[in-house]
mmCIF file of all heavy atoms, coordinates in Angstrom:
data_MODEL
# 
_entry.id   MODEL 
# 
loop_
_atom_site.group_PDB 
_atom_site.id 
_atom_site.type_symbol 
_atom_site.label_atom_id 
_atom_site.label_alt_id 
_atom_site.label_comp_id 
_atom_site.label_asym_id 
_atom_site.label_entity_id 
_atom_site.label_seq_id 
_atom_site.pdbx_PDB_ins_code 
_atom_site.Cartn_x 
_atom_site.Cartn_y 
_atom_site.Cartn_z 
_atom_site.occupancy 
_atom_site.B_iso_or_equiv 
_atom_site.pdbx_formal_charge 
_atom_site.auth_seq_id 
_atom_site.auth_comp_id 
_atom_site.auth_asym_id 
_atom_site.auth_atom_id 
_atom_site.pdbx_PDB_model_num 
ATOM 1   N N   . GLU A 1 1  ? 3.899  -10.370 -4.415  1.00 0.00 ? 1  GLU A N   1 
ATOM 2   C CA  . GLU A 1 1  ? 4.082  -8.956  -4.743  1.00 0.00 ? 1  GLU A CA  1 
ATOM 3   C C   . GLU A 1 1  ? 2.715  -8.357  -5.006  1.00 0.00 ? 1  GLU A C   1 
ATOM 4   O O   . GLU A 1 1  ? 1.761  -9.063  -5.330  1.00 0.00 ? 1  GLU A O   1 
ATOM 5   C CB  . GLU A 1 1  ? 5.012  -8.763  -5.930  1.00 0.00 ? 1  GLU A CB  1 
ATOM 6   C CG  . GLU A 1 1  ? 4.574  -9.426  -7.203  1.00 0.00 ? 1  GLU A CG  1 
ATOM 7   C CD  . GLU A 1 1  ? 5.611  -9.234  -8.302  1.00 0.00 ? 1  GLU A CD  1 
ATOM 8   O OE1 . GLU A 1 1  ? 6.806  -9.259  -8.024  1.00 0.00 ? 1  GLU A OE1 1 
ATOM 9   O OE2 . GLU A 1 1  ? 5.168  -9.062  -9.457  1.00 0.00 ? 1  GLU A OE2 1 
ATOM 10  N N   . GLY A 1 2  ? 2.642  -7.045  -4.836  1.00 0.00 ? 2  GLY A N   1 
ATOM 11  C CA  . GLY A 1 2  ? 1.366  -6.387  -5.044  1.00 0.00 ? 2  GLY A CA  1 
ATOM 12  C C   . GLY A 1 2  ? 1.515  -4.893  -5.138  1.00 0.00 ? 2  GLY A C   1 
ATOM 13  O O   . GLY A 1 2  ? 2.581  -4.328  -4.884  1.00 0.00 ? 2  GLY A O   1 
ATOM 14  N N   . GLU A 1 3  ? 0.411  -4.254  -5.495  1.00 0.00 ? 3  GLU A N   1 
ATOM 15  C CA  . GLU A 1 3  ? 0.356  -2.799  -5.543  1.00 0.00 ? 3  GLU A CA  1 
ATOM 16  C C   . GLU A 1 3  ? -1.089 -2.366  -5.494  1.00 0.00 ? 3  GLU A C   1 
ATOM 17  O O   . GLU A 1 3  ? -1.993 -3.101  -5.880  1.00 0.00 ? 3  GLU A O   1 
ATOM 18  C CB  . GLU A 1 3  ? 1.052  -2.253  -6.783  1.00 0.00 ? 3  GLU A CB  1 
ATOM 19  C CG  . GLU A 1 3  ? 0.489  -2.743  -8.102  1.00 0.00 ? 3  GLU A CG  1 
ATOM 20  C CD  . GLU A 1 3  ? 1.301  -2.230  -9.278  1.00 0.00 ? 3  GLU A CD  1 
ATOM 21  O OE1 . GLU A 1 3  ? 0.990  -1.118  -9.755  1.00 0.00 ? 3  GLU A OE1 1 
ATOM 22  O OE2 . GLU A 1 3  ? 2.229  -2.931  -9.698  1.00 0.00 ? 3  GLU A OE2 1 
ATOM 23  N N   . GLY A 1 4  ? -1.293 -1.165  -4.981  1.00 0.00 ? 4  GLY A N   1 
ATOM 24  C CA  . GLY A 1 4  ? -2.648 -0.641  -4.905  1.00 0.00 ? 4  GLY A CA  1 
ATOM 25  C C   . GLY A 1 4  ? -2.741 0.534   -3.962  1.00 0.00 ? 4  GLY A C   1 
ATOM 26  O O   . GLY A 1 4  ? -1.748 1.019   -3.429  1.00 0.00 ? 4  GLY A O   1 
ATOM 27  N N   . LEU A 1 5  ? -3.959 0.982   -3.772  1.00 0.00 ? 5  LEU A N   1 
ATOM 28  C CA  . LEU A 1 5  ? -4.232 2.140   -2.922  1.00 0.00 ? 5  LEU A CA  1 
ATOM 29  C C   . LEU A 1 5  ? -4.358 1.722   -1.465  1.00 0.00 ? 5  LEU A C   1 
ATOM 30  O O   . LEU A 1 5  ? -4.952 0.690   -1.158  1.00 0.00 ? 5  LEU A O   1 
ATOM 31  C CB  . LEU A 1 5  ? -5.529 2.808   -3.369  1.00 0.00 ? 5  LEU A CB  1 
ATOM 32  C CG  . LEU A 1 5  ? -5.548 3.327   -4.804  1.00 0.00 ? 5  LEU A CG  1 
ATOM 33  C CD1 . LEU A 1 5  ? -6.938 3.810   -5.177  1.00 0.00 ? 5  LEU A CD1 1 
ATOM 34  C CD2 . LEU A 1 5  ? -4.525 4.440   -4.979  1.00 0.00 ? 5  LEU A CD2 1 
ATOM 35  N N   . LEU A 1 6  ? -3.796 2.532   -0.592  1.00 0.00 ? 6  LEU A N   1 
ATOM 36  C CA  . LEU A 1 6  ? -3.942 2.335   0.849   1.00 0.00 ? 6  LEU A CA  1 
ATOM 37  C C   . LEU A 1 6  ? -4.659 3.553   1.416   1.00 0.00 ? 6  LEU A C   1 
ATOM 38  O O   . LEU A 1 6  ? -4.421 4.682   0.982   1.00 0.00 ? 6  LEU A O   1 
ATOM 39  C CB  . LEU A 1 6  ? -2.585 2.190   1.532   1.00 0.00 ? 6  LEU A CB  1 
ATOM 40  C CG  . LEU A 1 6  ? -1.784 0.936   1.215   1.00 0.00 ? 6  LEU A CG  1 
ATOM 41  C CD1 . LEU A 1 6  ? -0.483 0.942   2.001   1.00 0.00 ? 6  LEU A CD1 1 
ATOM 42  C CD2 . LEU A 1 6  ? -2.574 -0.317  1.546   1.00 0.00 ? 6  LEU A CD2 1 
ATOM 43  N N   . TYR A 1 7  ? -5.505 3.329   2.367   1.00 0.00 ? 7  TYR A N   1 
ATOM 44  C CA  . TYR A 1 7  ? -6.255 4.409   2.990   1.00 0.00 ? 7  TYR A CA  1 
ATOM 45  C C   . TYR A 1 7  ? -5.597 4.780   4.303   1.00 0.00 ? 7  TYR A C   1 
ATOM 46  O O   . TYR A 1 7  ? -5.069 3.933   5.008   1.00 0.00 ? 7  TYR A O   1 
ATOM 47  C CB  . TYR A 1 7  ? -7.714 3.991   3.179   1.00 0.00 ? 7  TYR A CB  1 
ATOM 48  C CG  . TYR A 1 7  ? -8.346 3.692   1.847   1.00 0.00 ? 7  TYR A CG  1 
ATOM 49  C CD1 . TYR A 1 7  ? -8.305 2.406   1.305   1.00 0.00 ? 7  TYR A CD1 1 
ATOM 50  C CD2 . TYR A 1 7  ? -8.922 4.708   1.096   1.00 0.00 ? 7  TYR A CD2 1 
ATOM 51  C CE1 . TYR A 1 7  ? -8.846 2.146   0.055   1.00 0.00 ? 7  TYR A CE1 1 
ATOM 52  C CE2 . TYR A 1 7  ? -9.452 4.449   -0.156  1.00 0.00 ? 7  TYR A CE2 1 
ATOM 53  C CZ  . TYR A 1 7  ? -9.410 3.166   -0.672  1.00 0.00 ? 7  TYR A CZ  1 
ATOM 54  O OH  . TYR A 1 7  ? -9.926 2.918   -1.911  1.00 0.00 ? 7  TYR A OH  1 
ATOM 55  N N   . VAL A 1 8  ? -5.624 6.061   4.619   1.00 0.00 ? 8  VAL A N   1 
ATOM 56  C CA  . VAL A 1 8  ? -4.988 6.573   5.834   1.00 0.00 ? 8  VAL A CA  1 
ATOM 57  C C   . VAL A 1 8  ? -6.094 6.924   6.819   1.00 0.00 ? 8  VAL A C   1 
ATOM 58  O O   . VAL A 1 8  ? -7.030 7.644   6.466   1.00 0.00 ? 8  VAL A O   1 
ATOM 59  C CB  . VAL A 1 8  ? -4.139 7.822   5.525   1.00 0.00 ? 8  VAL A CB  1 
ATOM 60  C CG1 . VAL A 1 8  ? -3.417 8.293   6.779   1.00 0.00 ? 8  VAL A CG1 1 
ATOM 61  C CG2 . VAL A 1 8  ? -3.154 7.540   4.402   1.00 0.00 ? 8  VAL A CG2 1 
ATOM 62  N N   . ASP A 1 9  ? -5.972 6.430   8.026   1.00 0.00 ? 9  ASP A N   1 
ATOM 63  C CA  . ASP A 1 9  ? -6.972 6.725   9.054   1.00 0.00 ? 9  ASP A CA  1 
ATOM 64  C C   . ASP A 1 9  ? -7.147 8.235   9.215   1.00 0.00 ? 9  ASP A C   1 
ATOM 65  O O   . ASP A 1 9  ? -6.183 8.962   9.454   1.00 0.00 ? 9  ASP A O   1 
ATOM 66  C CB  . ASP A 1 9  ? -6.552 6.121   10.398  1.00 0.00 ? 9  ASP A CB  1 
ATOM 67  C CG  . ASP A 1 9  ? -6.630 4.609   10.413  1.00 0.00 ? 9  ASP A CG  1 
ATOM 68  O OD1 . ASP A 1 9  ? -7.175 4.029   9.455   1.00 0.00 ? 9  ASP A OD1 1 
ATOM 69  O OD2 . ASP A 1 9  ? -6.139 4.011   11.382  1.00 0.00 ? 9  ASP A OD2 1 
ATOM 70  N N   . GLY A 1 10 ? -8.371 8.718   9.038   1.00 0.00 ? 10 GLY A N   1 
ATOM 71  C CA  . GLY A 1 10 ? -8.696 10.104  9.275   1.00 0.00 ? 10 GLY A CA  1 
ATOM 72  C C   . GLY A 1 10 ? -8.252 11.093  8.212   1.00 0.00 ? 10 GLY A C   1 
ATOM 73  O O   . GLY A 1 10 ? -8.310 12.294  8.428   1.00 0.00 ? 10 GLY A O   1 
ATOM 74  N N   . GLN A 1 11 ? -7.795 10.623  7.055   1.00 0.00 ? 11 GLN A N   1 
ATOM 75  C CA  . GLN A 1 11 ? -7.337 11.526  5.999   1.00 0.00 ? 11 GLN A CA  1 
ATOM 76  C C   . GLN A 1 11 ? -8.001 11.177  4.667   1.00 0.00 ? 11 GLN A C   1 
ATOM 77  O O   . GLN A 1 11 ? -8.360 10.031  4.420   1.00 0.00 ? 11 GLN A O   1 
ATOM 78  C CB  . GLN A 1 11 ? -5.823 11.442  5.825   1.00 0.00 ? 11 GLN A CB  1 
ATOM 79  C CG  . GLN A 1 11 ? -5.056 11.923  7.028   1.00 0.00 ? 11 GLN A CG  1 
ATOM 80  C CD  . GLN A 1 11 ? -3.556 11.881  6.789   1.00 0.00 ? 11 GLN A CD  1 
ATOM 81  O OE1 . GLN A 1 11 ? -3.091 11.821  5.670   1.00 0.00 ? 11 GLN A OE1 1 
ATOM 82  N NE2 . GLN A 1 11 ? -2.800 11.900  7.879   1.00 0.00 ? 11 GLN A NE2 1 
ATOM 83  N N   . ALA A 1 12 ? -8.115 12.188  3.813   1.00 0.00 ? 12 ALA A N   1 
ATOM 84  C CA  . ALA A 1 12 ? -8.703 11.973  2.492   1.00 0.00 ? 12 ALA A CA  1 
ATOM 85  C C   . ALA A 1 12 ? -7.675 11.464  1.483   1.00 0.00 ? 12 ALA A C   1 
ATOM 86  O O   . ALA A 1 12 ? -8.035 10.926  0.452   1.00 0.00 ? 12 ALA A O   1 
ATOM 87  C CB  . ALA A 1 12 ? -9.325 13.269  1.979   1.00 0.00 ? 12 ALA A CB  1 
ATOM 88  N N   . ASP A 1 13 ? -6.374 11.645  1.784   1.00 0.00 ? 13 ASP A N   1 
ATOM 89  C CA  . ASP A 1 13 ? -5.323 11.175  0.872   1.00 0.00 ? 13 ASP A CA  1 
ATOM 90  C C   . ASP A 1 13 ? -5.387 9.660   0.719   1.00 0.00 ? 13 ASP A C   1 
ATOM 91  O O   . ASP A 1 13 ? -5.653 8.934   1.673   1.00 0.00 ? 13 ASP A O   1 
ATOM 92  C CB  . ASP A 1 13 ? -3.939 11.544  1.400   1.00 0.00 ? 13 ASP A CB  1 
ATOM 93  C CG  . ASP A 1 13 ? -3.707 13.034  1.439   1.00 0.00 ? 13 ASP A CG  1 
ATOM 94  O OD1 . ASP A 1 13 ? -4.411 13.759  0.704   1.00 0.00 ? 13 ASP A OD1 1 
ATOM 95  O OD2 . ASP A 1 13 ? -2.835 13.464  2.197   1.00 0.00 ? 13 ASP A OD2 1 
ATOM 96  N N   . VAL A 1 14 ? -5.132 9.203   -0.493  1.00 0.00 ? 14 VAL A N   1 
ATOM 97  C CA  . VAL A 1 14 ? -5.117 7.767   -0.773  1.00 0.00 ? 14 VAL A CA  1 
ATOM 98  C C   . VAL A 1 14 ? -3.793 7.449   -1.467  1.00 0.00 ? 14 VAL A C   1 
ATOM 99  O O   . VAL A 1 14 ? -3.691 7.487   -2.685  1.00 0.00 ? 14 VAL A O   1 
ATOM 100 C CB  . VAL A 1 14 ? -6.313 7.354   -1.656  1.00 0.00 ? 14 VAL A CB  1 
ATOM 101 C CG1 . VAL A 1 14 ? -6.340 5.847   -1.846  1.00 0.00 ? 14 VAL A CG1 1 
ATOM 102 C CG2 . VAL A 1 14 ? -7.623 7.820   -1.039  1.00 0.00 ? 14 VAL A CG2 1 
ATOM 103 N N   . PRO A 1 15 ? -2.739 7.155   -0.686  1.00 0.00 ? 15 PRO A N   1 
ATOM 104 C CA  . PRO A 1 15 ? -1.437 6.882   -1.289  1.00 0.00 ? 15 PRO A CA  1 
ATOM 105 C C   . PRO A 1 15 ? -1.378 5.515   -1.956  1.00 0.00 ? 15 PRO A C   1 
ATOM 106 O O   . PRO A 1 15 ? -2.174 4.625   -1.668  1.00 0.00 ? 15 PRO A O   1 
ATOM 107 C CB  . PRO A 1 15 ? -0.476 6.959   -0.110  1.00 0.00 ? 15 PRO A CB  1 
ATOM 108 C CG  . PRO A 1 15 ? -1.316 6.664   1.080   1.00 0.00 ? 15 PRO A CG  1 
ATOM 109 C CD  . PRO A 1 15 ? -2.701 7.138   0.765   1.00 0.00 ? 15 PRO A CD  1 
ATOM 110 N N   . TYR A 1 16 ? -0.415 5.368   -2.861  1.00 0.00 ? 16 TYR A N   1 
ATOM 111 C CA  . TYR A 1 16 ? -0.230 4.141   -3.627  1.00 0.00 ? 16 TYR A CA  1 
ATOM 112 C C   . TYR A 1 16 ? 0.982  3.389   -3.076  1.00 0.00 ? 16 TYR A C   1 
ATOM 113 O O   . TYR A 1 16 ? 2.013  3.985   -2.786  1.00 0.00 ? 16 TYR A O   1 
ATOM 114 C CB  . TYR A 1 16 ? -0.002 4.509   -5.096  1.00 0.00 ? 16 TYR A CB  1 
ATOM 115 C CG  . TYR A 1 16 ? -0.217 3.372   -6.047  1.00 0.00 ? 16 TYR A CG  1 
ATOM 116 C CD1 . TYR A 1 16 ? -1.498 3.022   -6.446  1.00 0.00 ? 16 TYR A CD1 1 
ATOM 117 C CD2 . TYR A 1 16 ? 0.848  2.654   -6.573  1.00 0.00 ? 16 TYR A CD2 1 
ATOM 118 C CE1 . TYR A 1 16 ? -1.725 1.997   -7.347  1.00 0.00 ? 16 TYR A CE1 1 
ATOM 119 C CE2 . TYR A 1 16 ? 0.633  1.605   -7.466  1.00 0.00 ? 16 TYR A CE2 1 
ATOM 120 C CZ  . TYR A 1 16 ? -0.648 1.291   -7.837  1.00 0.00 ? 16 TYR A CZ  1 
ATOM 121 O OH  . TYR A 1 16 ? -0.866 0.259   -8.728  1.00 0.00 ? 16 TYR A OH  1 
ATOM 122 N N   . VAL A 1 17 ? 0.847  2.087   -2.937  1.00 0.00 ? 17 VAL A N   1 
ATOM 123 C CA  . VAL A 1 17 ? 1.940  1.260   -2.431  1.00 0.00 ? 17 VAL A CA  1 
ATOM 124 C C   . VAL A 1 17 ? 2.314  0.216   -3.470  1.00 0.00 ? 17 VAL A C   1 
ATOM 125 O O   . VAL A 1 17 ? 1.461  -0.286  -4.199  1.00 0.00 ? 17 VAL A O   1 
ATOM 126 C CB  . VAL A 1 17 ? 1.551  0.560   -1.096  1.00 0.00 ? 17 VAL A CB  1 
ATOM 127 C CG1 . VAL A 1 17 ? 0.420  -0.437  -1.300  1.00 0.00 ? 17 VAL A CG1 1 
ATOM 128 C CG2 . VAL A 1 17 ? 2.746  -0.113  -0.454  1.00 0.00 ? 17 VAL A CG2 1 
ATOM 129 N N   . ARG A 1 18 ? 3.595  -0.055  -3.570  1.00 0.00 ? 18 ARG A N   1 
ATOM 130 C CA  . ARG A 1 18 ? 4.122  -1.189  -4.347  1.00 0.00 ? 18 ARG A CA  1 
ATOM 131 C C   . ARG A 1 18 ? 4.996  -1.986  -3.395  1.00 0.00 ? 18 ARG A C   1 
ATOM 132 O O   . ARG A 1 18 ? 5.812  -1.397  -2.672  1.00 0.00 ? 18 ARG A O   1 
ATOM 133 C CB  . ARG A 1 18 ? 4.969  -0.709  -5.523  1.00 0.00 ? 18 ARG A CB  1 
ATOM 134 C CG  . ARG A 1 18 ? 4.160  -0.188  -6.639  1.00 0.00 ? 18 ARG A CG  1 
ATOM 135 C CD  . ARG A 1 18 ? 4.997  -0.073  -7.923  1.00 0.00 ? 18 ARG A CD  1 
ATOM 136 N NE  . ARG A 1 18 ? 4.113  0.277   -8.994  1.00 0.00 ? 18 ARG A NE  1 
ATOM 137 C CZ  . ARG A 1 18 ? 4.179  1.403   -9.688  1.00 0.00 ? 18 ARG A CZ  1 
ATOM 138 N NH1 . ARG A 1 18 ? 5.133  2.266   -9.427  1.00 0.00 ? 18 ARG A NH1 1 
ATOM 139 N NH2 . ARG A 1 18 ? 3.313  1.647   -10.638 1.00 0.00 ? 18 ARG A NH2 1 
ATOM 140 N N   . PHE A 1 19 ? 4.849  -3.306  -3.407  1.00 0.00 ? 19 PHE A N   1 
ATOM 141 C CA  . PHE A 1 19 ? 5.628  -4.095  -2.458  1.00 0.00 ? 19 PHE A CA  1 
ATOM 142 C C   . PHE A 1 19 ? 5.901  -5.493  -2.992  1.00 0.00 ? 19 PHE A C   1 
ATOM 143 O O   . PHE A 1 19 ? 5.214  -5.989  -3.882  1.00 0.00 ? 19 PHE A O   1 
ATOM 144 C CB  . PHE A 1 19 ? 4.902  -4.195  -1.106  1.00 0.00 ? 19 PHE A CB  1 
ATOM 145 C CG  . PHE A 1 19 ? 3.647  -5.016  -1.139  1.00 0.00 ? 19 PHE A CG  1 
ATOM 146 C CD1 . PHE A 1 19 ? 3.674  -6.365  -0.845  1.00 0.00 ? 19 PHE A CD1 1 
ATOM 147 C CD2 . PHE A 1 19 ? 2.433  -4.432  -1.457  1.00 0.00 ? 19 PHE A CD2 1 
ATOM 148 C CE1 . PHE A 1 19 ? 2.513  -7.132  -0.886  1.00 0.00 ? 19 PHE A CE1 1 
ATOM 149 C CE2 . PHE A 1 19 ? 1.270  -5.170  -1.487  1.00 0.00 ? 19 PHE A CE2 1 
ATOM 150 C CZ  . PHE A 1 19 ? 1.302  -6.534  -1.200  1.00 0.00 ? 19 PHE A CZ  1 
ATOM 151 N N   . SER A 1 20 ? 6.907  -6.098  -2.400  1.00 0.00 ? 20 SER A N   1 
ATOM 152 C CA  . SER A 1 20 ? 7.181  -7.511  -2.619  1.00 0.00 ? 20 SER A CA  1 
ATOM 153 C C   . SER A 1 20 ? 7.578  -8.101  -1.289  1.00 0.00 ? 20 SER A C   1 
ATOM 154 O O   . SER A 1 20 ? 8.099  -7.413  -0.407  1.00 0.00 ? 20 SER A O   1 
ATOM 155 C CB  . SER A 1 20 ? 8.280  -7.722  -3.658  1.00 0.00 ? 20 SER A CB  1 
ATOM 156 O OG  . SER A 1 20 ? 9.507  -7.209  -3.191  1.00 0.00 ? 20 SER A OG  1 
ATOM 157 N N   . VAL A 1 21 ? 7.303  -9.379  -1.133  1.00 0.00 ? 21 VAL A N   1 
ATOM 158 C CA  . VAL A 1 21 ? 7.673  -10.107 0.067   1.00 0.00 ? 21 VAL A CA  1 
ATOM 159 C C   . VAL A 1 21 ? 8.437  -11.340 -0.378  1.00 0.00 ? 21 VAL A C   1 
ATOM 160 O O   . VAL A 1 21 ? 7.957  -12.122 -1.199  1.00 0.00 ? 21 VAL A O   1 
ATOM 161 C CB  . VAL A 1 21 ? 6.427  -10.543 0.880   1.00 0.00 ? 21 VAL A CB  1 
ATOM 162 C CG1 . VAL A 1 21 ? 6.836  -11.328 2.111   1.00 0.00 ? 21 VAL A CG1 1 
ATOM 163 C CG2 . VAL A 1 21 ? 5.599  -9.337  1.272   1.00 0.00 ? 21 VAL A CG2 1 
ATOM 164 N N   . ASP A 1 22 ? 9.656  -11.486 0.141   1.00 0.00 ? 22 ASP A N   1 
ATOM 165 C CA  . ASP A 1 22 ? 10.472 -12.661 -0.149  1.00 0.00 ? 22 ASP A CA  1 
ATOM 166 C C   . ASP A 1 22 ? 10.544 -13.475 1.128   1.00 0.00 ? 22 ASP A C   1 
ATOM 167 O O   . ASP A 1 22 ? 11.115 -13.031 2.119   1.00 0.00 ? 22 ASP A O   1 
ATOM 168 C CB  . ASP A 1 22 ? 11.863 -12.239 -0.604  1.00 0.00 ? 22 ASP A CB  1 
ATOM 169 C CG  . ASP A 1 22 ? 12.746 -13.418 -0.947  1.00 0.00 ? 22 ASP A CG  1 
ATOM 170 O OD1 . ASP A 1 22 ? 12.310 -14.581 -0.808  1.00 0.00 ? 22 ASP A OD1 1 
ATOM 171 O OD2 . ASP A 1 22 ? 13.897 -13.188 -1.348  1.00 0.00 ? 22 ASP A OD2 1 
ATOM 172 N N   . CYS A 1 23 ? 9.936  -14.647 1.100   1.00 0.00 ? 23 CYS A N   1 
ATOM 173 C CA  . CYS A 1 23 ? 9.907  -15.498 2.284   1.00 0.00 ? 23 CYS A CA  1 
ATOM 174 C C   . CYS A 1 23 ? 11.065 -16.479 2.310   1.00 0.00 ? 23 CYS A C   1 
ATOM 175 O O   . CYS A 1 23 ? 11.175 -17.288 3.225   1.00 0.00 ? 23 CYS A O   1 
ATOM 176 C CB  . CYS A 1 23 ? 8.579  -16.238 2.347   1.00 0.00 ? 23 CYS A CB  1 
ATOM 177 S SG  . CYS A 1 23 ? 7.161  -15.133 2.506   1.00 0.00 ? 23 CYS A SG  1 
ATOM 178 N N   . GLY A 1 24 ? 11.922 -16.416 1.280   1.00 0.00 ? 24 GLY A N   1 
ATOM 179 C CA  . GLY A 1 24 ? 13.155 -17.164 1.136   1.00 0.00 ? 24 GLY A CA  1 
ATOM 180 C C   . GLY A 1 24 ? 13.138 -18.507 1.684   1.00 0.00 ? 24 GLY A C   1 
ATOM 181 O O   . GLY A 1 24 ? 13.886 -19.269 1.973   1.00 0.00 ? 24 GLY A O   1 
# 
């Protein structure tokens, strides 16, 4: 699991992502 800022190609906006990965 993780969270942090993601950068968008060609944009000044820096959105925040939260995610988890279940590999079961």
